[in-house]
N, C-alpha and C. Protein backbone atom coordinates (compact mmCIF):
# COMPACT_ATOMS: atom_id res chain seq x y z
N MET A 1 -195.39 111.44 -35.95
CA MET A 1 -195.71 110.21 -35.26
C MET A 1 -194.60 109.26 -35.02
N ALA A 2 -193.79 109.08 -36.10
CA ALA A 2 -192.57 108.19 -36.03
C ALA A 2 -191.62 108.76 -35.08
N THR A 3 -191.41 110.10 -35.15
CA THR A 3 -190.42 110.72 -34.32
C THR A 3 -190.91 110.64 -32.87
N HIS A 4 -192.21 110.85 -32.62
CA HIS A 4 -192.73 110.69 -31.15
C HIS A 4 -192.46 109.31 -30.74
N LEU A 5 -192.87 108.23 -31.51
CA LEU A 5 -192.66 106.91 -31.05
C LEU A 5 -191.18 106.55 -30.73
N ALA A 6 -190.26 107.10 -31.66
CA ALA A 6 -188.84 106.87 -31.34
C ALA A 6 -188.42 107.66 -30.00
N GLU A 7 -188.82 108.81 -29.89
CA GLU A 7 -188.44 109.68 -28.68
C GLU A 7 -188.93 109.03 -27.36
N ALA A 8 -190.18 108.36 -27.43
CA ALA A 8 -190.76 107.67 -26.40
C ALA A 8 -190.27 106.31 -26.04
N GLY A 9 -189.38 105.80 -26.99
CA GLY A 9 -188.65 104.47 -26.80
C GLY A 9 -189.69 103.29 -27.22
N LEU A 10 -190.74 103.72 -27.96
CA LEU A 10 -191.66 102.72 -28.34
C LEU A 10 -191.46 102.19 -29.83
N LEU A 11 -190.61 102.80 -30.63
CA LEU A 11 -190.35 102.27 -31.99
C LEU A 11 -189.56 101.00 -31.93
N ARG A 12 -189.95 100.10 -32.74
CA ARG A 12 -189.07 98.81 -32.91
C ARG A 12 -187.66 99.16 -33.12
N ASP A 13 -186.75 98.29 -32.61
CA ASP A 13 -185.33 98.63 -32.66
C ASP A 13 -184.83 98.47 -34.11
N ASP A 14 -185.46 97.69 -34.92
CA ASP A 14 -184.92 97.42 -36.16
C ASP A 14 -185.55 98.50 -37.28
N LEU A 15 -186.16 99.64 -36.80
CA LEU A 15 -186.70 100.59 -37.70
C LEU A 15 -186.02 101.94 -37.42
N THR A 16 -185.64 102.64 -38.47
CA THR A 16 -185.25 103.97 -38.30
C THR A 16 -186.56 104.83 -38.27
N VAL A 17 -186.40 106.09 -37.91
CA VAL A 17 -187.51 106.94 -38.04
C VAL A 17 -188.06 107.19 -39.38
N ASP A 18 -187.09 107.24 -40.37
CA ASP A 18 -187.42 107.38 -41.73
C ASP A 18 -188.17 106.10 -42.22
N ARG A 19 -187.70 105.01 -41.95
CA ARG A 19 -188.34 103.72 -42.43
C ARG A 19 -189.85 103.71 -41.74
N ALA A 20 -189.89 104.08 -40.42
CA ALA A 20 -191.30 104.07 -39.90
C ALA A 20 -192.18 105.13 -40.41
N ARG A 21 -191.65 106.24 -40.89
CA ARG A 21 -192.45 107.19 -41.62
C ARG A 21 -192.86 106.69 -42.92
N ASP A 22 -192.01 105.87 -43.61
CA ASP A 22 -192.46 105.21 -44.92
C ASP A 22 -193.61 104.30 -44.67
N LEU A 23 -193.57 103.47 -43.64
CA LEU A 23 -194.56 102.58 -43.28
C LEU A 23 -195.87 103.20 -42.97
N ILE A 24 -195.79 104.37 -42.20
CA ILE A 24 -196.94 104.97 -41.81
C ILE A 24 -197.72 105.55 -43.08
N TRP A 25 -196.84 106.18 -44.02
CA TRP A 25 -197.32 106.67 -45.21
C TRP A 25 -198.08 105.75 -46.07
N LEU A 26 -197.39 104.51 -46.15
CA LEU A 26 -197.91 103.53 -46.91
C LEU A 26 -199.40 103.07 -46.41
N TYR A 27 -199.39 102.76 -45.08
CA TYR A 27 -200.68 102.37 -44.59
C TYR A 27 -201.89 103.24 -44.50
N ILE A 28 -201.56 104.60 -44.46
CA ILE A 28 -202.59 105.64 -44.49
C ILE A 28 -202.92 106.22 -45.87
N ALA A 29 -202.27 105.68 -46.98
CA ALA A 29 -202.43 106.21 -48.22
C ALA A 29 -203.91 106.00 -48.62
N PRO A 30 -204.45 107.04 -49.24
CA PRO A 30 -205.93 107.03 -49.66
C PRO A 30 -206.18 105.78 -50.64
N GLU A 31 -205.10 105.41 -51.40
CA GLU A 31 -205.24 104.25 -52.30
C GLU A 31 -205.48 103.01 -51.51
N VAL A 32 -204.90 102.76 -50.40
CA VAL A 32 -205.02 101.58 -49.67
C VAL A 32 -206.37 101.52 -49.08
N ASP A 33 -206.91 102.65 -48.64
CA ASP A 33 -208.31 102.71 -48.02
C ASP A 33 -209.30 102.49 -49.17
N GLY A 34 -209.02 103.08 -50.31
CA GLY A 34 -209.92 102.93 -51.39
C GLY A 34 -210.02 101.45 -51.89
N LEU A 35 -208.95 100.79 -51.88
CA LEU A 35 -209.01 99.23 -52.18
C LEU A 35 -209.79 98.50 -51.13
N LEU A 36 -209.73 98.90 -49.90
CA LEU A 36 -210.50 98.25 -48.86
C LEU A 36 -211.99 98.52 -49.02
N VAL A 37 -212.33 99.78 -49.31
CA VAL A 37 -213.65 100.15 -49.52
C VAL A 37 -214.28 99.38 -50.74
N GLU A 38 -213.43 99.21 -51.84
CA GLU A 38 -213.90 98.46 -53.01
C GLU A 38 -214.25 96.99 -52.56
N ARG A 39 -213.60 96.47 -51.67
CA ARG A 39 -213.75 95.18 -51.13
C ARG A 39 -214.72 95.00 -50.03
N ASP A 40 -215.56 96.13 -49.94
CA ASP A 40 -216.62 96.23 -48.94
C ASP A 40 -216.33 96.13 -47.48
N TRP A 41 -215.16 96.62 -47.13
CA TRP A 41 -214.72 96.67 -45.75
C TRP A 41 -215.49 97.95 -45.21
N THR A 42 -216.04 97.72 -43.99
CA THR A 42 -216.64 98.83 -43.20
C THR A 42 -215.65 99.69 -42.66
N ILE A 43 -216.12 100.87 -42.30
CA ILE A 43 -215.13 101.90 -41.63
C ILE A 43 -214.61 101.22 -40.38
N GLU A 44 -215.49 100.52 -39.57
CA GLU A 44 -214.90 99.87 -38.34
C GLU A 44 -213.87 98.82 -38.58
N GLU A 45 -214.09 98.08 -39.71
CA GLU A 45 -213.09 97.10 -40.10
C GLU A 45 -211.77 97.76 -40.51
N ARG A 46 -211.84 98.74 -41.32
CA ARG A 46 -210.73 99.48 -41.82
C ARG A 46 -209.96 100.11 -40.65
N GLU A 47 -210.68 100.73 -39.74
CA GLU A 47 -210.04 101.40 -38.58
C GLU A 47 -209.24 100.29 -37.70
N ARG A 48 -209.87 99.13 -37.46
CA ARG A 48 -209.31 98.14 -36.69
C ARG A 48 -208.04 97.50 -37.35
N TRP A 49 -208.13 97.36 -38.67
CA TRP A 49 -206.96 96.85 -39.37
C TRP A 49 -205.80 97.92 -39.47
N LEU A 50 -206.06 99.20 -39.65
CA LEU A 50 -205.11 100.16 -39.57
C LEU A 50 -204.37 100.19 -38.16
N ALA A 51 -205.19 100.23 -37.22
CA ALA A 51 -204.61 100.20 -35.79
C ALA A 51 -203.83 99.00 -35.60
N ASP A 52 -204.34 97.85 -35.77
CA ASP A 52 -203.61 96.69 -35.55
C ASP A 52 -202.30 96.53 -36.34
N THR A 53 -202.44 96.96 -37.74
CA THR A 53 -201.25 96.90 -38.57
C THR A 53 -200.21 97.86 -38.23
N LEU A 54 -200.44 99.19 -37.86
CA LEU A 54 -199.49 100.17 -37.49
C LEU A 54 -198.84 99.63 -36.10
N TYR A 55 -199.65 99.22 -35.20
CA TYR A 55 -199.03 98.78 -33.99
C TYR A 55 -198.08 97.60 -34.25
N GLY A 56 -198.46 96.61 -34.94
CA GLY A 56 -197.57 95.43 -35.28
C GLY A 56 -196.27 95.83 -35.99
N ALA A 57 -196.43 96.83 -36.86
CA ALA A 57 -195.35 97.28 -37.69
C ALA A 57 -194.39 98.17 -37.10
N LEU A 58 -194.79 98.93 -36.09
CA LEU A 58 -194.07 100.04 -35.49
C LEU A 58 -193.66 99.91 -34.09
N ILE A 59 -194.43 99.29 -33.24
CA ILE A 59 -194.30 99.30 -31.78
C ILE A 59 -193.46 98.10 -31.44
N ALA A 60 -192.44 98.42 -30.43
CA ALA A 60 -191.58 97.37 -29.94
C ALA A 60 -192.32 96.59 -29.03
N ASP A 61 -191.85 95.31 -28.91
CA ASP A 61 -192.51 94.36 -27.91
C ASP A 61 -192.02 94.81 -26.68
N PRO A 62 -192.89 94.80 -25.51
CA PRO A 62 -192.49 95.15 -24.20
C PRO A 62 -191.38 94.27 -23.79
N PRO A 63 -190.55 94.71 -22.83
CA PRO A 63 -189.38 93.92 -22.33
C PRO A 63 -190.00 92.74 -21.50
N GLN A 64 -189.28 91.64 -21.56
CA GLN A 64 -189.78 90.44 -20.82
C GLN A 64 -189.17 90.49 -19.40
């Protein structure tokens, strides 16, 4: 996923592919999801949070 984003020119300029992989790994870790489940987050809330978080952490802002 990180390589694909970089090859498509979508990865933020301040991220290397390796750093982007680290962030993806962090956010999709079962432990993170488990913590959210313990806090009574619904699957829909967890999916929305993950999508929003990955987008914000990885995707470059469009050119102005």
